[in-house]
Each structure stands twice: as C-alpha cells, then as structure tokens.
Amino acid sequence: GDLLPADGVLIQGNDLKIDESALTGESDHVRKSLDKDPLLLSGTHVMEGSGRMVVTAVGVNSQSGIIFTLLGAAGDDEDDGKDRKG
C-alpha cells in the first residue's frame, strides 16, 4: 500500500501491481513491467511486488498535480463568476 509520491518510469520490477483507482476510477490492479506499461503515476498505490523507477515529474508537474491544478483553476473560474454576479 505504499503511495507513489512522483511520476516515473519503471527500470526494475518484480511482479509489480499498482492500484490506479485514485486517477482512473478502475478498481482492478494494473500489472507494470519494463516491456509493457512501465509508467508509474503519483497518487497511486503499490499493492504487490517491488520495483525501482526513474522520477520524471513531481509536485504540480506530475499527473496528479496537473489534475489538481486544473480542478483548482475550474473552481477559481466558478468563484470569479459568482463574485461578478453578486
């Protein structure tokens, strides 16, 4: 159940399964390997196995950071619109 703190590319793995439901809504665990689907995303959880990755993005530059930034921007637009009306 370790939380991945950053986006990265898998460089070494042993029967690695990731819970990506926080980002995709898919409840099935996703098997990650070097030759098939090596991308690991921040905000997801390691459910089985182990691995090493090269970090490619952190914070607001990660996939979860981009999503939160976009959600925040959408919320700001809605708030701005309410302020102008009232």
Protein backbone atom coordinates (compact mmCIF):
# COMPACT_ATOMS: atom_id res chain seq x y z
CA GLY A 1 0.00 0.00 0.00
CA ASP A 2 2.91 2.45 -0.44
CA LEU A 3 1.82 5.71 -2.07
CA LEU A 4 3.89 6.79 -5.07
CA PRO A 5 4.97 10.40 -4.45
CA ALA A 6 6.10 11.15 -8.03
CA ASP A 7 5.60 10.14 -11.67
CA GLY A 8 8.28 7.92 -13.14
CA VAL A 9 9.37 5.13 -15.45
CA LEU A 10 9.92 1.63 -14.11
CA ILE A 11 13.53 0.48 -14.55
CA GLN A 12 13.42 -2.66 -12.39
CA GLY A 13 10.39 -4.58 -11.18
CA ASN A 14 9.31 -7.81 -9.57
CA ASP A 15 5.62 -8.76 -10.03
CA LEU A 16 4.56 -5.12 -9.55
CA LYS A 17 0.84 -4.37 -9.31
CA ILE A 18 -0.46 -0.83 -8.88
CA ASP A 19 -3.85 0.46 -7.72
CA GLU A 20 -4.57 3.37 -10.10
CA SER A 21 -8.18 3.86 -8.96
CA ALA A 22 -7.41 7.31 -7.49
CA LEU A 23 -6.65 8.58 -11.02
CA THR A 24 -8.65 6.33 -13.33
CA GLY A 25 -11.53 5.03 -11.22
CA GLU A 26 -10.62 1.48 -12.35
CA SER A 27 -10.71 -0.86 -9.35
CA ASP A 28 -8.57 -3.63 -10.90
CA HIS A 29 -4.86 -3.57 -10.06
CA VAL A 30 -2.60 -2.85 -13.05
CA ARG A 31 0.44 -5.05 -13.67
CA LYS A 32 3.53 -2.99 -14.51
CA SER A 33 6.61 -4.32 -16.29
CA LEU A 34 9.60 -3.00 -18.20
CA ASP A 35 8.28 -4.08 -21.60
CA LYS A 36 4.57 -3.37 -21.05
CA ASP A 37 3.16 -0.29 -19.29
CA PRO A 38 6.28 0.93 -17.40
CA LEU A 39 4.77 4.32 -16.41
CA LEU A 40 4.09 4.87 -12.71
CA LEU A 41 1.93 7.80 -11.62
CA SER A 42 1.94 9.79 -8.41
CA GLY A 43 -1.06 9.32 -6.17
CA THR A 44 -1.30 5.60 -6.98
CA HIS A 45 -0.56 2.78 -4.54
CA VAL A 46 1.74 -0.25 -4.82
CA MET A 47 -0.37 -3.30 -3.98
CA GLU A 48 2.04 -6.16 -4.77
CA GLY A 49 5.66 -6.65 -5.71
CA SER A 50 8.52 -4.21 -5.75
CA GLY A 51 10.37 -2.02 -8.17
CA ARG A 52 12.62 0.93 -8.89
CA MET A 53 11.79 3.90 -11.05
CA VAL A 54 13.41 6.96 -12.53
CA VAL A 55 11.43 10.01 -11.40
CA THR A 56 10.17 12.12 -14.30
CA ALA A 57 7.88 14.63 -12.56
CA VAL A 58 6.99 15.82 -9.05
CA GLY A 59 4.51 18.24 -7.49
CA VAL A 60 2.43 20.35 -9.87
CA ASN A 61 4.26 18.83 -12.86
CA SER A 62 3.09 15.27 -12.05
CA GLN A 63 -0.14 13.84 -13.45
CA SER A 64 -1.96 14.19 -10.14
CA GLY A 65 -0.54 17.71 -9.72
CA ILE A 66 -1.81 18.70 -13.17
CA ILE A 67 -5.26 17.31 -12.34
CA PHE A 68 -5.40 19.18 -9.02
CA THR A 69 -4.22 22.38 -10.71
CA LEU A 70 -6.92 22.07 -13.37
CA LEU A 71 -9.57 21.35 -10.75
CA GLY A 72 -8.40 24.37 -8.77
CA ALA A 73 -8.49 26.57 -11.87
CA ALA A 74 -12.03 25.41 -12.64
CA GLY A 75 -13.06 26.19 -9.07
CA ASP A 76 -11.48 29.65 -9.30
CA ASP A 77 -13.36 30.41 -12.53
CA GLU A 78 -16.65 29.45 -10.90
CA ASP A 79 -15.92 31.56 -7.85
CA ASP A 80 -14.92 34.54 -10.03
CA GLY A 81 -18.17 34.25 -11.94
CA LYS A 82 -20.21 34.24 -8.74
CA ASP A 83 -18.37 37.30 -7.45
CA ARG A 84 -19.16 39.30 -10.60
CA LYS A 85 -22.86 38.49 -10.48
CA GLY A 86 -23.37 39.35 -6.84
